[in-house]
Protein backbone atom coordinates (compact mmCIF):
# COMPACT_ATOMS: atom_id res chain seq x y z
CA MET A 1 45.16 154.94 85.85
CA ILE A 2 44.23 157.62 83.31
CA HIS A 3 41.03 157.12 81.34
CA ASN A 4 40.08 158.55 77.97
CA SER A 5 38.34 157.16 74.91
CA THR A 6 41.57 155.93 73.29
CA ILE A 7 42.97 154.21 76.39
CA ASP A 8 39.63 152.70 77.35
CA ALA A 9 39.29 151.20 73.87
CA GLN A 10 42.81 149.77 74.03
CA VAL A 11 42.49 148.12 77.45
CA ASN A 12 39.05 146.74 76.58
CA HIS A 13 40.05 145.29 73.20
CA ARG A 14 38.34 142.04 72.20
CA SER A 15 39.11 140.22 68.97
CA ILE A 16 36.00 140.04 66.77
CA ARG A 17 35.51 136.88 64.73
CA GLN A 18 31.91 137.37 63.60
CA PHE A 19 31.05 140.31 61.36
CA LYS A 20 27.95 141.60 59.67
CA ASN A 21 27.77 140.97 55.93
CA LYS A 22 28.73 144.49 54.97
CA SER A 23 31.97 145.84 53.50
CA LEU A 24 33.68 149.07 54.46
CA ASN A 25 32.68 152.13 52.48
CA GLN A 26 35.16 154.31 50.59
CA GLU A 27 35.37 156.93 53.33
CA GLN A 28 36.23 154.26 55.90
CA LEU A 29 38.82 152.70 53.59
CA THR A 30 40.41 156.06 52.82
CA THR A 31 40.60 156.83 56.52
CA LEU A 32 42.39 153.55 57.28
CA TYR A 33 44.73 154.03 54.32
CA THR A 34 45.62 157.52 55.54
CA VAL A 35 46.27 156.30 59.08
CA PHE A 36 48.52 153.60 57.60
CA GLN A 37 50.30 156.23 55.50
CA HIS A 38 51.11 158.45 58.50
CA THR A 39 52.58 155.78 60.79
CA ALA A 40 56.08 156.35 62.16
CA THR A 41 58.75 154.79 59.93
CA SER A 42 62.38 153.82 60.57
CA LEU A 43 64.83 156.18 58.81
CA PHE A 44 61.92 157.45 56.66
CA MET A 45 62.29 154.34 54.50
CA GLN A 46 58.49 153.68 54.49
CA ASN A 47 59.08 149.94 54.12
CA ALA A 48 55.45 148.84 54.48
CA THR A 49 52.60 148.19 52.05
CA LEU A 50 48.93 147.51 52.75
CA MET A 51 46.98 145.10 50.55
CA HIS A 52 43.16 145.08 50.56
CA ILE A 53 42.07 141.66 49.31
CA THR A 54 38.71 141.88 47.53
CA ASP A 55 39.09 139.13 44.91
CA GLU A 56 36.79 136.33 46.04
CA ALA A 57 39.03 133.56 44.71
CA LYS A 58 42.03 134.91 46.59
CA ARG A 59 39.98 135.41 49.74
CA ALA A 60 38.77 131.80 49.56
CA LYS A 61 42.33 130.49 49.11
CA ILE A 62 43.60 132.58 52.03
CA ARG A 63 40.69 131.37 54.17
CA GLN A 64 41.62 127.77 53.34
CA LEU A 65 45.28 128.37 54.22
CA CYS A 66 44.35 130.03 57.52
CA ASN A 67 41.77 127.32 58.29
CA GLN A 68 39.53 129.94 59.93
CA LYS A 69 36.04 130.41 58.51
CA TYR A 70 35.90 134.16 59.20
CA VAL A 71 39.04 134.99 57.19
CA GLY A 72 38.03 136.68 53.94
CA ALA A 73 34.34 136.10 54.68
CA GLU A 74 32.17 138.94 56.02
CA GLY A 75 33.91 142.28 56.29
CA ASP A 76 37.23 143.28 54.73
CA LEU A 77 40.54 141.43 54.57
CA PHE A 78 43.86 143.28 54.77
CA ILE A 79 47.41 141.95 54.48
CA PHE A 80 50.27 144.06 55.87
CA VAL A 81 53.43 143.55 53.84
CA VAL A 82 57.08 144.26 54.59
CA ASP A 83 58.11 145.95 51.33
CA LEU A 84 61.76 146.46 50.41
CA TYR A 85 61.03 145.98 46.69
CA ARG A 86 59.93 149.58 46.21
CA ASN A 87 63.17 151.04 47.59
CA GLN A 88 65.27 148.53 45.64
CA GLN A 89 63.57 149.72 42.46
CA ILE A 90 64.20 153.36 43.35
CA ARG A 91 67.92 152.61 43.80
CA GLN A 92 68.21 150.54 40.63
CA GLN A 93 66.27 152.95 38.41
CA LEU A 94 68.41 155.85 39.65
CA GLY A 95 71.65 154.04 38.88
CA GLN A 96 72.58 152.57 42.29
CA ASP A 97 73.18 149.01 43.43
CA ASP A 98 70.87 147.32 45.94
CA GLY A 99 72.91 148.51 48.91
CA ARG A 100 71.71 146.96 52.17
CA VAL A 101 68.18 145.96 51.15
CA HIS A 102 69.03 142.24 51.37
CA THR A 103 70.26 142.40 54.99
CA THR A 104 68.52 141.18 58.12
CA ASP A 105 68.93 144.64 59.63
CA VAL A 106 66.91 146.35 56.90
CA PHE A 107 64.31 143.57 56.91
CA LEU A 108 63.78 144.08 60.64
CA GLN A 109 63.41 147.83 60.05
CA GLY A 110 60.74 147.01 57.49
CA LEU A 111 59.07 144.60 59.90
CA ASP A 112 59.01 147.34 62.54
CA ASP A 113 57.40 149.74 60.05
CA THR A 114 54.78 147.16 59.08
CA LEU A 115 53.79 146.15 62.60
CA LEU A 116 53.62 149.77 63.76
CA ALA A 117 51.30 150.48 60.83
CA TRP A 118 49.20 147.41 61.67
CA GLN A 119 48.61 148.62 65.23
CA ASN A 120 47.92 152.17 64.08
CA VAL A 121 45.23 150.89 61.74
CA ALA A 122 43.84 148.60 64.46
CA ASN A 123 43.40 151.56 66.80
CA ALA A 124 41.69 153.53 64.04
CA VAL A 125 39.35 150.61 63.29
CA GLU A 126 38.08 150.49 66.86
CA SER A 127 37.80 154.29 67.08
CA MET A 128 35.36 154.09 64.14
CA GLY A 129 33.10 151.66 65.98
CA LEU A 130 34.34 148.70 63.93
CA GLY A 131 35.98 145.46 65.07
CA TYR A 132 38.96 143.42 63.96
CA VAL A 133 40.85 140.22 64.54
CA PRO A 134 44.62 139.81 63.97
CA LEU A 135 45.51 137.12 61.44
CA GLY A 136 48.84 135.58 62.30
CA THR A 137 47.54 132.46 60.55
CA ILE A 138 48.30 134.00 57.15
CA ASN A 139 51.77 132.49 57.57
CA ASP A 140 50.67 129.02 58.64
CA HIS A 141 51.53 127.95 55.07
CA PRO A 142 53.89 130.75 53.99
CA LEU A 143 55.07 129.44 50.62
CA ALA A 144 51.50 128.76 49.51
CA LEU A 145 50.40 132.23 50.61
CA LEU A 146 53.19 133.80 48.58
CA GLU A 147 51.79 132.12 45.48
CA VAL A 148 48.27 133.33 46.21
CA LEU A 149 49.40 136.94 46.69
CA ASP A 150 51.91 136.81 43.79
CA LEU A 151 54.27 139.15 45.62
CA PRO A 152 57.59 140.26 44.10
CA LYS A 153 60.99 139.58 45.61
CA LEU A 154 61.93 141.63 48.68
CA THR A 155 58.41 141.53 50.11
CA PHE A 156 57.01 139.53 53.02
CA PRO A 157 53.38 139.28 54.25
CA ALA A 158 53.82 139.89 57.97
CA LEU A 159 50.32 140.00 59.44
CA GLY A 160 46.69 140.08 58.37
CA MET A 161 43.59 141.78 59.73
CA GLN A 162 39.91 141.03 59.22
CA VAL A 163 37.83 144.18 59.75
CA GLY A 164 34.11 144.80 59.86
CA ILE A 165 30.98 145.63 61.81
CA PRO A 166 30.94 143.39 64.91
CA ALA A 167 28.25 140.73 65.04
CA GLN A 168 29.27 139.48 68.50
CA ASP A 169 30.21 140.87 71.91
CA PRO A 170 32.83 138.51 73.37
CA GLN A 171 34.08 138.63 76.94
CA LEU A 172 37.35 140.35 77.80
CA LYS A 173 40.16 137.78 78.06
CA PRO A 174 42.27 138.16 81.23
CA ARG A 175 45.93 139.04 80.66
CA LEU A 176 49.03 138.22 82.68
CA PRO A 177 49.38 140.47 85.75
CA LEU A 178 51.73 143.39 85.16
CA LYS A 179 54.28 142.09 87.69
CA PHE A 180 55.16 139.33 85.20
CA THR A 181 55.48 141.53 82.11
CA THR A 182 56.67 145.03 83.10
CA PHE A 183 60.00 145.70 84.79
CA GLU A 184 62.11 148.70 85.79
CA ASN A 185 65.69 148.70 84.47
CA ASP A 186 66.51 145.02 85.11
CA TYR A 187 64.92 141.76 83.98
CA PRO A 188 64.29 139.55 87.04
CA GLN A 189 65.39 135.97 86.39
CA ASP A 190 63.90 134.36 89.49
CA PHE A 191 60.61 133.48 87.79
CA ASN A 192 58.58 130.82 89.61
CA VAL A 193 55.69 129.14 87.79
CA ASP A 194 53.88 128.58 91.08
CA GLU A 195 53.20 132.31 91.21
CA LEU A 196 50.85 131.87 88.24
CA LYS A 197 48.33 129.77 90.18
CA ASP A 198 45.93 132.66 90.79
CA TYR A 199 46.16 133.76 87.16
CA ASP A 200 45.55 130.20 85.97
CA GLN A 201 42.41 130.10 88.09
CA THR A 202 41.23 133.38 86.56
CA VAL A 203 41.81 132.03 83.06
CA GLU A 204 40.03 128.76 83.87
CA THR A 205 37.01 130.74 85.07
CA TYR A 206 37.06 132.82 81.89
CA TYR A 207 37.04 129.75 79.62
CA ASP A 208 34.39 128.01 81.72
CA LEU A 209 31.98 130.95 81.71
CA ARG A 210 32.45 132.51 78.29
CA ALA A 211 29.52 132.41 75.88
CA THR A 212 31.18 130.40 73.09
CA ASN A 213 33.66 127.51 72.98
CA ASN A 214 33.76 127.19 76.75
CA ARG A 215 36.18 124.59 78.07
CA ILE A 216 38.46 123.72 80.97
CA ASP A 217 41.79 125.38 80.26
CA SER A 218 44.46 127.58 81.80
CA PHE A 219 47.41 129.69 80.70
CA THR A 220 50.12 127.25 81.82
CA LYS A 221 48.26 124.35 80.17
CA GLN A 222 48.38 126.22 76.89
CA ILE A 223 52.09 127.00 77.24
CA THR A 224 52.93 123.38 78.07
CA GLY A 225 50.53 121.98 75.47
CA ALA A 226 50.43 121.59 71.71
CA LYS A 227 51.05 125.25 70.83
CA LEU A 228 54.75 125.05 71.71
CA ALA A 229 55.25 121.29 71.44
CA ASN A 230 58.22 120.21 69.34
CA LYS A 231 56.72 119.30 65.97
CA LYS A 232 57.22 120.01 62.28
CA ILE A 233 54.84 122.59 60.80
CA ASP A 234 54.72 124.63 57.59
CA ARG A 235 55.69 127.76 59.52
CA ASP A 236 59.17 126.24 59.65
CA GLN A 237 59.37 127.29 55.99
CA LEU A 238 59.62 130.95 57.00
CA PRO A 239 63.45 131.14 56.79
CA GLN A 240 63.24 129.47 53.35
CA LEU A 241 60.59 131.98 52.29
CA LEU A 242 62.67 134.95 53.44
CA HIS A 243 65.68 133.75 51.46
CA GLN A 244 63.49 132.89 48.47
CA GLN A 245 62.32 136.52 48.60
CA ASP A 246 65.97 137.73 48.66
CA LEU A 247 65.51 138.91 52.26
CA CYS A 248 67.95 138.40 55.15
CA LEU A 249 70.58 137.01 52.79
CA ASP A 250 73.31 137.74 55.37
CA TRP A 251 71.59 135.35 57.78
CA LYS A 252 72.57 131.72 57.17
């Protein structure tokens, strides 16, 4: 395997959930904004927007919705937004109809743009000696979040990121062996759960020995447990939210 500073940072990534009580300075913010700006974009549509949430009331509401004490606390909170509104306005103000902006295809292009930008910024964060944690929980209560952010139609908050100076040094979480996740040309369909026994043991050891929130757990227990259990949650509102935002209107 090749080693350099970028690759070593990527393969040793740990999510940081405790930050020092210090915000990013303007030079750091400008750097992250510029990295976001220069991310690859589908068809040069530039369908992504980055929101830096500094209003304390909004941060507190988002923290409550995410139900995670570190969200919007120490450090800086960012929301990465799929943004088709801007291009709709360009078309309308220059005398054109909305075209394809309401289709699932264009939404997915915008989602690609937004997630590529998220990862680009994440890599930049770690290269600057900072830490971050992904915030998929911003959409645990999607309709409520939309009210907090007061976003226009044709936008969708895809993913959040809490960034700051790390105040912890967590252990590296073991990932699935490559033989289960990387394939050449064809997808093997002879998967056997028994082959995960060694990995389960590795994960159990990780949870048992880690410095915080240690417990007895494994990968297959998590997959067969509450995370994917059939239940009604507010995330089921996501299709409603997309249609409410005039997105994916061709998808019924």
